[in-house]
Amino acid sequence: MTTGAGAVDLAVPSSTGYRIDAHSSSSAPQIDLPNSDGASASLTVAASNGGIHIH
């Protein structure tokens, strides 16, 4: 998921492990899930102008 302007608020099932790659140029991403390098599911989120909250 990528946004050029605006915040990202992403809610995902917590019962699955994720490899998370999140980048925002305006603030540090807030990630309320464990980041598991060996997970089969992955999330890639980028925001050019806005915050990121993954929960």
PDB file of N, CA and C in Angstrom:
ATOM      1  N   MET A   1       0.852  -1.154   0.000  1.00  0.00           N
ATOM      2  CA  MET A   1       0.000   0.000   0.000  1.00  0.00           C
ATOM      3  C   MET A   1       0.904   1.225   0.000  1.00  0.00           C
ATOM      4  N   THR A   2       0.592   2.165  -0.848  1.00  0.00           N
ATOM      5  CA  THR A   2       1.368   3.398  -0.938  1.00  0.00           C
ATOM      6  C   THR A   2       0.416   4.581  -1.029  1.00  0.00           C
ATOM      7  N   THR A   3       0.750   5.651  -0.324  1.00  0.00           N
ATOM      8  CA  THR A   3      -0.029   6.872  -0.430  1.00  0.00           C
ATOM      9  C   THR A   3       0.919   8.046  -0.618  1.00  0.00           C
ATOM     10  N   GLY A   4       0.532   8.986  -1.444  1.00  0.00           N
ATOM     11  CA  GLY A   4       1.346  10.166  -1.679  1.00  0.00           C
ATOM     12  C   GLY A   4       1.069  11.252  -0.661  1.00  0.00           C
ATOM     13  N   ALA A   5      -0.183  11.379  -0.254  1.00  0.00           N
ATOM     14  CA  ALA A   5      -0.566  12.382   0.733  1.00  0.00           C
ATOM     15  C   ALA A   5      -1.687  11.812   1.581  1.00  0.00           C
ATOM     16  N   GLY A   6      -1.449  11.758   2.860  1.00  0.00           N
ATOM     17  CA  GLY A   6      -2.457  11.235   3.769  1.00  0.00           C
ATOM     18  C   GLY A   6      -1.901  10.103   4.614  1.00  0.00           C
ATOM     19  N   ALA A   7      -2.525   9.878   5.730  1.00  0.00           N
ATOM     20  CA  ALA A   7      -2.088   8.857   6.676  1.00  0.00           C
ATOM     21  C   ALA A   7      -2.635   7.488   6.293  1.00  0.00           C
ATOM     22  N   VAL A   8      -1.938   6.451   6.748  1.00  0.00           N
ATOM     23  CA  VAL A   8      -2.372   5.072   6.549  1.00  0.00           C
ATOM     24  C   VAL A   8      -2.697   4.491   7.912  1.00  0.00           C
ATOM     25  N   ASP A   9      -3.907   3.972   8.089  1.00  0.00           N
ATOM     26  CA  ASP A   9      -4.329   3.285   9.309  1.00  0.00           C
ATOM     27  C   ASP A   9      -4.777   1.897   8.874  1.00  0.00           C
ATOM     28  N   LEU A  10      -3.908   0.909   9.068  1.00  0.00           N
ATOM     29  CA  LEU A  10      -4.132  -0.430   8.542  1.00  0.00           C
ATOM     30  C   LEU A  10      -4.354  -1.415   9.677  1.00  0.00           C
ATOM     31  N   ALA A  11      -5.523  -2.060   9.701  1.00  0.00           N
ATOM     32  CA  ALA A  11      -5.837  -3.084  10.701  1.00  0.00           C
ATOM     33  C   ALA A  11      -5.821  -4.448  10.008  1.00  0.00           C
ATOM     34  N   VAL A  12      -5.066  -5.384  10.591  1.00  0.00           N
ATOM     35  CA  VAL A  12      -4.946  -6.723  10.029  1.00  0.00           C
ATOM     36  C   VAL A  12      -5.185  -7.748  11.140  1.00  0.00           C
ATOM     37  N   PRO A  13      -5.551  -8.984  10.784  1.00  0.00           N
ATOM     38  CA  PRO A  13      -5.731 -10.018  11.815  1.00  0.00           C
ATOM     39  C   PRO A  13      -4.425 -10.256  12.572  1.00  0.00           C
ATOM     40  N   SER A  14      -4.498 -10.288  13.879  1.00  0.00           N
ATOM     41  CA  SER A  14      -3.294 -10.455  14.685  1.00  0.00           C
ATOM     42  C   SER A  14      -2.905 -11.921  14.854  1.00  0.00           C
ATOM     43  N   SER A  15      -3.715 -12.826  14.370  1.00  0.00           N
ATOM     44  CA  SER A  15      -3.427 -14.255  14.525  1.00  0.00           C
ATOM     45  C   SER A  15      -2.409 -14.762  13.507  1.00  0.00           C
ATOM     46  N   THR A  16      -2.004 -13.910  12.576  1.00  0.00           N
ATOM     47  CA  THR A  16      -1.037 -14.271  11.543  1.00  0.00           C
ATOM     48  C   THR A  16       0.247 -13.486  11.763  1.00  0.00           C
ATOM     49  N   GLY A  17       1.394 -14.100  11.516  1.00  0.00           N
ATOM     50  CA  GLY A  17       2.661 -13.384  11.585  1.00  0.00           C
ATOM     51  C   GLY A  17       2.911 -12.649  10.279  1.00  0.00           C
ATOM     52  N   TYR A  18       3.599 -11.520  10.339  1.00  0.00           N
ATOM     53  CA  TYR A  18       3.856 -10.705   9.157  1.00  0.00           C
ATOM     54  C   TYR A  18       5.318 -10.269   9.098  1.00  0.00           C
ATOM     55  N   ARG A  19       5.844 -10.196   7.886  1.00  0.00           N
ATOM     56  CA  ARG A  19       7.078  -9.474   7.605  1.00  0.00           C
ATOM     57  C   ARG A  19       6.632  -8.070   7.246  1.00  0.00           C
ATOM     58  N   ILE A  20       7.068  -7.080   8.000  1.00  0.00           N
ATOM     59  CA  ILE A  20       6.555  -5.717   7.829  1.00  0.00           C
ATOM     60  C   ILE A  20       7.662  -4.790   7.357  1.00  0.00           C
ATOM     61  N   ASP A  21       7.382  -4.080   6.270  1.00  0.00           N
ATOM     62  CA  ASP A  21       8.270  -3.060   5.739  1.00  0.00           C
ATOM     63  C   ASP A  21       7.441  -1.784   5.629  1.00  0.00           C
ATOM     64  N   ALA A  22       7.665  -0.831   6.535  1.00  0.00           N
ATOM     65  CA  ALA A  22       6.873   0.396   6.558  1.00  0.00           C
ATOM     66  C   ALA A  22       7.797   1.607   6.592  1.00  0.00           C
ATOM     67  N   HIS A  23       7.522   2.587   5.722  1.00  0.00           N
ATOM     68  CA  HIS A  23       8.338   3.795   5.628  1.00  0.00           C
ATOM     69  C   HIS A  23       7.445   5.015   5.442  1.00  0.00           C
ATOM     70  N   SER A  24       7.751   6.055   6.188  1.00  0.00           N
ATOM     71  CA  SER A  24       7.062   7.331   6.030  1.00  0.00           C
ATOM     72  C   SER A  24       8.099   8.438   6.101  1.00  0.00           C
ATOM     73  N   SER A  25       7.999   9.412   5.210  1.00  0.00           N
ATOM     74  CA  SER A  25       8.961  10.511   5.226  1.00  0.00           C
ATOM     75  C   SER A  25       8.614  11.561   6.279  1.00  0.00           C
ATOM     76  N   SER A  26       7.395  11.513   6.837  1.00  0.00           N
ATOM     77  CA  SER A  26       7.003  12.548   7.785  1.00  0.00           C
ATOM     78  C   SER A  26       7.119  12.129   9.248  1.00  0.00           C
ATOM     79  N   SER A  27       7.073  10.833   9.563  1.00  0.00           N
ATOM     80  CA  SER A  27       7.185  10.387  10.957  1.00  0.00           C
ATOM     81  C   SER A  27       7.505   8.895  10.990  1.00  0.00           C
ATOM     82  N   ALA A  28       7.936   8.434  12.146  1.00  0.00           N
ATOM     83  CA  ALA A  28       8.232   7.009  12.303  1.00  0.00           C
ATOM     84  C   ALA A  28       6.926   6.213  12.325  1.00  0.00           C
ATOM     85  N   PRO A  29       6.862   5.098  11.616  1.00  0.00           N
ATOM     86  CA  PRO A  29       5.650   4.282  11.628  1.00  0.00           C
ATOM     87  C   PRO A  29       5.362   3.718  13.022  1.00  0.00           C
ATOM     88  N   GLN A  30       4.096   3.647  13.361  1.00  0.00           N
ATOM     89  CA  GLN A  30       3.662   3.013  14.609  1.00  0.00           C
ATOM     90  C   GLN A  30       3.164   1.618  14.241  1.00  0.00           C
ATOM     91  N   ILE A  31       3.855   0.592  14.711  1.00  0.00           N
ATOM     92  CA  ILE A  31       3.516  -0.786  14.377  1.00  0.00           C
ATOM     93  C   ILE A  31       3.238  -1.537  15.671  1.00  0.00           C
ATOM     94  N   ASP A  32       2.003  -1.992  15.825  1.00  0.00           N
ATOM     95  CA  ASP A  32       1.564  -2.678  17.044  1.00  0.00           C
ATOM     96  C   ASP A  32       1.500  -4.190  16.868  1.00  0.00           C
ATOM     97  N   LEU A  33       2.245  -4.715  15.913  1.00  0.00           N
ATOM     98  CA  LEU A  33       2.301  -6.155  15.656  1.00  0.00           C
ATOM     99  C   LEU A  33       3.758  -6.587  15.679  1.00  0.00           C
ATOM    100  N   PRO A  34       4.027  -7.843  16.035  1.00  0.00           N
ATOM    101  CA  PRO A  34       5.416  -8.308  15.930  1.00  0.00           C
ATOM    102  C   PRO A  34       5.832  -8.432  14.470  1.00  0.00           C
ATOM    103  N   ASN A  35       7.076  -8.068  14.197  1.00  0.00           N
ATOM    104  CA  ASN A  35       7.639  -8.197  12.856  1.00  0.00           C
ATOM    105  C   ASN A  35       8.418  -9.502  12.829  1.00  0.00           C
ATOM    106  N   SER A  36       7.975 -10.440  12.025  1.00  0.00           N
ATOM    107  CA  SER A  36       8.570 -11.766  11.982  1.00  0.00           C
ATOM    108  C   SER A  36       9.211 -12.004  10.618  1.00  0.00           C
ATOM    109  N   ASP A  37      10.545 -12.021  10.571  1.00  0.00           N
ATOM    110  CA  ASP A  37      11.263 -12.187   9.304  1.00  0.00           C
ATOM    111  C   ASP A  37      10.913 -13.483   8.577  1.00  0.00           C
ATOM    112  N   GLY A  38      10.557 -14.534   9.298  1.00  0.00           N
ATOM    113  CA  GLY A  38      10.247 -15.819   8.675  1.00  0.00           C
ATOM    114  C   GLY A  38       8.784 -16.016   8.314  1.00  0.00           C
ATOM    115  N   ALA A  39       7.945 -15.000   8.492  1.00  0.00           N
ATOM    116  CA  ALA A  39       6.508 -15.136   8.219  1.00  0.00           C
ATOM    117  C   ALA A  39       6.242 -15.281   6.727  1.00  0.00           C
ATOM    118  N   SER A  40       5.189 -16.025   6.407  1.00  0.00           N
ATOM    119  CA  SER A  40       4.826 -16.210   5.001  1.00  0.00           C
ATOM    120  C   SER A  40       4.028 -15.023   4.454  1.00  0.00           C
ATOM    121  N   ALA A  41       3.378 -14.252   5.319  1.00  0.00           N
ATOM    122  CA  ALA A  41       2.613 -13.078   4.890  1.00  0.00           C
ATOM    123  C   ALA A  41       3.489 -11.836   5.056  1.00  0.00           C
ATOM    124  N   SER A  42       3.335 -10.885   4.143  1.00  0.00           N
ATOM    125  CA  SER A  42       4.123  -9.659   4.249  1.00  0.00           C
ATOM    126  C   SER A  42       3.250  -8.438   4.037  1.00  0.00           C
ATOM    127  N   LEU A  43       3.674  -7.335   4.653  1.00  0.00           N
ATOM    128  CA  LEU A  43       3.012  -6.042   4.497  1.00  0.00           C
ATOM    129  C   LEU A  43       4.070  -5.029   4.085  1.00  0.00           C
ATOM    130  N   THR A  44       3.797  -4.289   3.018  1.00  0.00           N
ATOM    131  CA  THR A  44       4.667  -3.199   2.593  1.00  0.00           C
ATOM    132  C   THR A  44       3.808  -1.944   2.526  1.00  0.00           C
ATOM    133  N   VAL A  45       4.168  -0.960   3.338  1.00  0.00           N
ATOM    134  CA  VAL A  45       3.378   0.268   3.434  1.00  0.00           C
ATOM    135  C   VAL A  45       4.328   1.458   3.327  1.00  0.00           C
ATOM    136  N   ALA A  46       3.978   2.426   2.478  1.00  0.00           N
ATOM    137  CA  ALA A  46       4.786   3.632   2.314  1.00  0.00           C
ATOM    138  C   ALA A  46       3.873   4.848   2.256  1.00  0.00           C
ATOM    139  N   ALA A  47       4.297   5.906   2.927  1.00  0.00           N
ATOM    140  CA  ALA A  47       3.551   7.163   2.908  1.00  0.00           C
ATOM    141  C   ALA A  47       4.537   8.298   2.683  1.00  0.00           C
ATOM    142  N   SER A  48       4.308   9.097   1.654  1.00  0.00           N
ATOM    143  CA  SER A  48       5.193  10.232   1.381  1.00  0.00           C
ATOM    144  C   SER A  48       4.918  11.392   2.318  1.00  0.00           C
ATOM    145  N   ASN A  49       3.666  11.617   2.654  1.00  0.00           N
ATOM    146  CA  ASN A  49       3.292  12.742   3.491  1.00  0.00           C
ATOM    147  C   ASN A  49       2.149  12.324   4.389  1.00  0.00           C
ATOM    148  N   GLY A  50       2.466  11.659   5.489  1.00  0.00           N
ATOM    149  CA  GLY A  50       1.450  11.196   6.423  1.00  0.00           C
ATOM    150  C   GLY A  50       1.996  10.068   7.267  1.00  0.00           C
ATOM    151  N   GLY A  51       1.377   9.845   8.388  1.00  0.00           N
ATOM    152  CA  GLY A  51       1.813   8.809   9.303  1.00  0.00           C
ATOM    153  C   GLY A  51       1.320   7.427   8.899  1.00  0.00           C
ATOM    154  N   ILE A  52       1.915   6.422   9.531  1.00  0.00           N
ATOM    155  CA  ILE A  52       1.512   5.031   9.308  1.00  0.00           C
ATOM    156  C   ILE A  52       1.233   4.391  10.659  1.00  0.00           C
ATOM    157  N   HIS A  53       0.073   3.755  10.775  1.00  0.00           N
ATOM    158  CA  HIS A  53      -0.275   2.992  11.972  1.00  0.00           C
ATOM    159  C   HIS A  53      -0.752   1.617  11.497  1.00  0.00           C
ATOM    160  N   ILE A  54      -0.017   0.582  11.883  1.00  0.00           N
ATOM    161  CA  ILE A  54      -0.390  -0.787  11.554  1.00  0.00           C
ATOM    162  C   ILE A  54      -0.731  -1.498  12.836  1.00  0.00           C
ATOM    163  N   HIS A  55      -1.939  -2.035  12.888  1.00  0.00           N
ATOM    164  CA  HIS A  55      -2.397  -2.711  14.109  1.00  0.00           C
ATOM    165  C   HIS A  55      -3.285  -3.880  13.766  1.00  0.00           C
TER     166      HIS A  55
END
